[in-house]
Amino acid sequence: MKVLSSFGPYRYVIKGILPNGTEDCIIQKFNEMTKRFITMYECVDVIQLMTAIEDPEYTKWLDSDNIPCYRENRGDVVRSPYSK
């Protein structure tokens, strides 16, 4: 495993080589509860990983914790306008 870069809670890693010969690129995020890095996102290729390194906002966009619709226990309730 080779760590290419890190900033904030994010770490950009090449884990190794996949069976098809391409590099296995992932973005990891530090988990405060476990005090370990966990895989946050598996990149398609090195180009996507490099884009995430160069643009911190892109990394945040890939992070499902930053997207309200993916959070658990949102507390949103949808009611039918037809029910009484």
N, C-alpha and C. Protein backbone atom coordinates (compact mmCIF):
# COMPACT_ATOMS: atom_id res chain seq x y z
N MET A 1 0.84 -1.17 0.00
CA MET A 1 0.00 0.00 0.00
C MET A 1 0.89 1.24 0.00
N LYS A 2 0.56 2.18 -0.90
CA LYS A 2 1.36 3.39 -1.02
C LYS A 2 0.44 4.60 -0.82
N VAL A 3 0.73 5.41 0.22
CA VAL A 3 -0.05 6.62 0.48
C VAL A 3 0.54 7.74 -0.38
N LEU A 4 -0.29 8.30 -1.26
CA LEU A 4 0.18 9.36 -2.15
C LEU A 4 0.09 10.73 -1.51
N SER A 5 -1.00 10.96 -0.78
CA SER A 5 -1.22 12.27 -0.18
C SER A 5 -2.28 12.13 0.91
N SER A 6 -2.38 13.16 1.74
CA SER A 6 -3.45 13.20 2.72
C SER A 6 -3.71 14.65 3.10
N PHE A 7 -4.96 14.94 3.42
CA PHE A 7 -5.31 16.23 3.99
C PHE A 7 -6.58 16.06 4.80
N GLY A 8 -6.64 16.75 5.94
CA GLY A 8 -7.79 16.60 6.82
C GLY A 8 -8.00 15.14 7.17
N PRO A 9 -9.25 14.67 7.10
CA PRO A 9 -9.51 13.28 7.44
C PRO A 9 -9.30 12.31 6.27
N TYR A 10 -8.88 12.83 5.11
CA TYR A 10 -8.79 12.01 3.90
C TYR A 10 -7.36 11.58 3.60
N ARG A 11 -7.25 10.37 3.05
CA ARG A 11 -5.95 9.83 2.64
C ARG A 11 -6.13 9.15 1.29
N TYR A 12 -5.20 9.40 0.37
CA TYR A 12 -5.27 8.88 -1.00
C TYR A 12 -4.24 7.78 -1.15
N VAL A 13 -4.72 6.58 -1.52
CA VAL A 13 -3.89 5.39 -1.44
C VAL A 13 -3.98 4.58 -2.72
N ILE A 14 -2.85 3.99 -3.11
CA ILE A 14 -2.83 2.94 -4.13
C ILE A 14 -2.53 1.65 -3.38
N LYS A 15 -3.54 0.76 -3.33
CA LYS A 15 -3.43 -0.47 -2.54
C LYS A 15 -2.59 -1.54 -3.21
N GLY A 16 -2.55 -1.52 -4.53
CA GLY A 16 -1.83 -2.55 -5.25
C GLY A 16 -2.28 -2.60 -6.69
N ILE A 17 -2.11 -3.76 -7.31
CA ILE A 17 -2.49 -3.94 -8.70
C ILE A 17 -3.68 -4.91 -8.78
N LEU A 18 -4.68 -4.51 -9.55
CA LEU A 18 -5.85 -5.37 -9.75
C LEU A 18 -5.54 -6.47 -10.76
N PRO A 19 -6.37 -7.51 -10.84
CA PRO A 19 -6.13 -8.60 -11.80
C PRO A 19 -6.06 -8.14 -13.26
N ASN A 20 -6.72 -7.02 -13.58
CA ASN A 20 -6.68 -6.53 -14.96
C ASN A 20 -5.44 -5.69 -15.25
N GLY A 21 -4.56 -5.52 -14.26
CA GLY A 21 -3.31 -4.81 -14.46
C GLY A 21 -3.33 -3.35 -14.09
N THR A 22 -4.49 -2.80 -13.72
CA THR A 22 -4.56 -1.39 -13.32
C THR A 22 -4.35 -1.27 -11.82
N GLU A 23 -4.03 -0.06 -11.39
CA GLU A 23 -3.78 0.18 -9.97
C GLU A 23 -5.11 0.28 -9.21
N ASP A 24 -5.11 -0.25 -7.99
CA ASP A 24 -6.28 -0.20 -7.12
C ASP A 24 -6.21 1.08 -6.29
N CYS A 25 -6.95 2.11 -6.71
CA CYS A 25 -6.90 3.43 -6.09
C CYS A 25 -8.11 3.65 -5.20
N ILE A 26 -7.85 4.07 -3.96
CA ILE A 26 -8.95 4.32 -3.03
C ILE A 26 -8.71 5.63 -2.28
N ILE A 27 -9.81 6.17 -1.78
CA ILE A 27 -9.75 7.31 -0.88
C ILE A 27 -10.23 6.80 0.47
N GLN A 28 -9.43 7.02 1.49
CA GLN A 28 -9.77 6.59 2.83
C GLN A 28 -10.11 7.79 3.69
N LYS A 29 -10.95 7.57 4.70
CA LYS A 29 -11.33 8.63 5.62
C LYS A 29 -11.07 8.14 7.04
N PHE A 30 -10.53 9.03 7.87
CA PHE A 30 -10.23 8.68 9.25
C PHE A 30 -11.52 8.64 10.05
N ASN A 31 -11.72 7.55 10.78
CA ASN A 31 -12.89 7.37 11.62
C ASN A 31 -12.50 7.70 13.06
N GLU A 32 -13.11 8.72 13.63
CA GLU A 32 -12.78 9.14 14.99
C GLU A 32 -13.14 8.09 16.04
N MET A 33 -14.19 7.32 15.78
CA MET A 33 -14.62 6.31 16.76
C MET A 33 -13.61 5.17 16.87
N THR A 34 -13.16 4.66 15.73
CA THR A 34 -12.26 3.52 15.73
C THR A 34 -10.79 3.92 15.69
N LYS A 35 -10.53 5.21 15.40
CA LYS A 35 -9.15 5.73 15.28
C LYS A 35 -8.38 5.02 14.17
N ARG A 36 -9.11 4.67 13.08
CA ARG A 36 -8.50 3.99 11.93
C ARG A 36 -9.03 4.62 10.66
N PHE A 37 -8.29 4.41 9.57
CA PHE A 37 -8.76 4.83 8.26
C PHE A 37 -9.65 3.74 7.67
N ILE A 38 -10.76 4.14 7.08
CA ILE A 38 -11.65 3.20 6.41
C ILE A 38 -11.79 3.63 4.95
N THR A 39 -12.07 2.68 4.08
CA THR A 39 -12.26 3.00 2.67
C THR A 39 -13.55 3.78 2.50
N MET A 40 -13.40 5.00 1.97
CA MET A 40 -14.55 5.86 1.74
C MET A 40 -15.05 5.73 0.31
N TYR A 41 -14.09 5.61 -0.64
CA TYR A 41 -14.46 5.60 -2.05
C TYR A 41 -13.42 4.83 -2.85
N GLU A 42 -13.87 3.97 -3.74
CA GLU A 42 -12.97 3.24 -4.64
C GLU A 42 -12.97 3.94 -5.99
N CYS A 43 -11.85 4.51 -6.36
CA CYS A 43 -11.75 5.26 -7.61
C CYS A 43 -11.73 4.32 -8.81
N VAL A 44 -12.19 4.84 -9.93
CA VAL A 44 -12.23 4.07 -11.17
C VAL A 44 -10.82 3.86 -11.72
N ASP A 45 -10.01 4.91 -11.63
CA ASP A 45 -8.64 4.84 -12.15
C ASP A 45 -7.76 5.89 -11.47
N VAL A 46 -6.50 5.93 -11.85
CA VAL A 46 -5.55 6.87 -11.27
C VAL A 46 -5.93 8.31 -11.59
N ILE A 47 -6.52 8.55 -12.75
CA ILE A 47 -6.91 9.90 -13.13
C ILE A 47 -7.94 10.46 -12.14
N GLN A 48 -8.91 9.64 -11.74
CA GLN A 48 -9.90 10.09 -10.78
C GLN A 48 -9.26 10.35 -9.42
N LEU A 49 -8.31 9.51 -9.02
CA LEU A 49 -7.62 9.70 -7.75
C LEU A 49 -6.82 11.00 -7.78
N MET A 50 -6.12 11.27 -8.87
CA MET A 50 -5.34 12.50 -8.99
C MET A 50 -6.25 13.75 -8.99
N THR A 51 -7.41 13.61 -9.61
CA THR A 51 -8.37 14.73 -9.60
C THR A 51 -8.82 15.02 -8.18
N ALA A 52 -9.08 13.98 -7.41
CA ALA A 52 -9.49 14.15 -6.01
C ALA A 52 -8.38 14.78 -5.17
N ILE A 53 -7.13 14.42 -5.46
CA ILE A 53 -6.00 15.01 -4.74
C ILE A 53 -5.88 16.49 -5.06
N GLU A 54 -6.04 16.84 -6.33
CA GLU A 54 -5.89 18.23 -6.76
C GLU A 54 -7.06 19.12 -6.35
N ASP A 55 -8.25 18.55 -6.20
CA ASP A 55 -9.45 19.33 -5.90
C ASP A 55 -10.12 18.82 -4.62
N PRO A 56 -9.83 19.44 -3.47
CA PRO A 56 -10.42 18.98 -2.21
C PRO A 56 -11.96 19.02 -2.21
N GLU A 57 -12.55 19.91 -2.96
CA GLU A 57 -14.01 19.98 -3.02
C GLU A 57 -14.58 18.74 -3.72
N TYR A 58 -13.86 18.19 -4.67
CA TYR A 58 -14.29 16.97 -5.34
C TYR A 58 -14.29 15.80 -4.35
N THR A 59 -13.26 15.75 -3.51
CA THR A 59 -13.20 14.71 -2.49
C THR A 59 -14.39 14.81 -1.55
N LYS A 60 -14.71 16.03 -1.13
CA LYS A 60 -15.86 16.23 -0.24
C LYS A 60 -17.15 15.82 -0.93
N TRP A 61 -17.23 16.06 -2.23
CA TRP A 61 -18.42 15.70 -2.99
C TRP A 61 -18.58 14.18 -3.05
N LEU A 62 -17.46 13.45 -3.09
CA LEU A 62 -17.51 11.99 -3.12
C LEU A 62 -17.84 11.38 -1.76
N ASP A 63 -17.66 12.15 -0.71
CA ASP A 63 -17.89 11.67 0.65
C ASP A 63 -19.38 11.61 0.95
N SER A 64 -19.91 10.42 1.16
CA SER A 64 -21.36 10.27 1.40
C SER A 64 -21.79 10.90 2.72
N ASP A 65 -20.88 11.13 3.66
CA ASP A 65 -21.24 11.78 4.92
C ASP A 65 -21.61 13.24 4.71
N ASN A 66 -21.16 13.84 3.62
CA ASN A 66 -21.45 15.24 3.34
C ASN A 66 -22.73 15.43 2.55
N ILE A 67 -23.39 14.34 2.16
CA ILE A 67 -24.60 14.44 1.36
C ILE A 67 -25.78 14.07 2.25
N PRO A 68 -26.65 15.03 2.56
CA PRO A 68 -27.74 14.77 3.51
C PRO A 68 -28.65 13.60 3.12
N CYS A 69 -28.86 13.37 1.84
CA CYS A 69 -29.79 12.31 1.45
C CYS A 69 -29.23 10.92 1.73
N TYR A 70 -27.94 10.78 1.97
CA TYR A 70 -27.35 9.48 2.26
C TYR A 70 -27.21 9.22 3.76
N ARG A 71 -27.45 10.21 4.58
CA ARG A 71 -27.29 10.03 6.02
C ARG A 71 -28.43 9.20 6.58
N GLU A 72 -28.09 8.41 7.58
CA GLU A 72 -29.12 7.64 8.27
C GLU A 72 -29.76 8.55 9.32
N ASN A 73 -30.96 8.20 9.72
CA ASN A 73 -31.67 8.95 10.76
C ASN A 73 -31.81 10.43 10.40
N ARG A 74 -32.23 10.68 9.20
CA ARG A 74 -32.40 12.06 8.76
C ARG A 74 -33.55 12.74 9.47
N GLY A 75 -34.55 11.96 9.85
CA GLY A 75 -35.70 12.53 10.50
C GLY A 75 -36.72 13.09 9.52
N ASP A 76 -36.50 12.90 8.23
CA ASP A 76 -37.44 13.38 7.23
C ASP A 76 -38.64 12.46 7.18
N VAL A 77 -39.79 13.05 7.10
CA VAL A 77 -41.02 12.29 6.98
C VAL A 77 -41.77 12.81 5.77
N VAL A 78 -42.12 11.93 4.88
CA VAL A 78 -42.88 12.31 3.70
C VAL A 78 -44.31 11.85 3.91
N ARG A 79 -45.23 12.80 3.82
CA ARG A 79 -46.64 12.49 4.02
C ARG A 79 -47.38 12.67 2.69
N SER A 80 -48.30 11.80 2.45
CA SER A 80 -49.11 11.87 1.25
C SER A 80 -50.06 13.06 1.34
N PRO A 81 -50.14 13.86 0.30
CA PRO A 81 -51.09 14.99 0.34
C PRO A 81 -52.54 14.51 0.25
N TYR A 82 -52.74 13.24 -0.07
CA TYR A 82 -54.08 12.70 -0.24
C TYR A 82 -54.64 12.05 1.02
N SER A 83 -53.78 11.82 2.01
CA SER A 83 -54.27 11.20 3.24
C SER A 83 -54.74 12.28 4.20
N LYS A 84 -55.65 11.90 5.08
CA LYS A 84 -56.19 12.88 6.05
C LYS A 84 -55.57 12.71 7.40
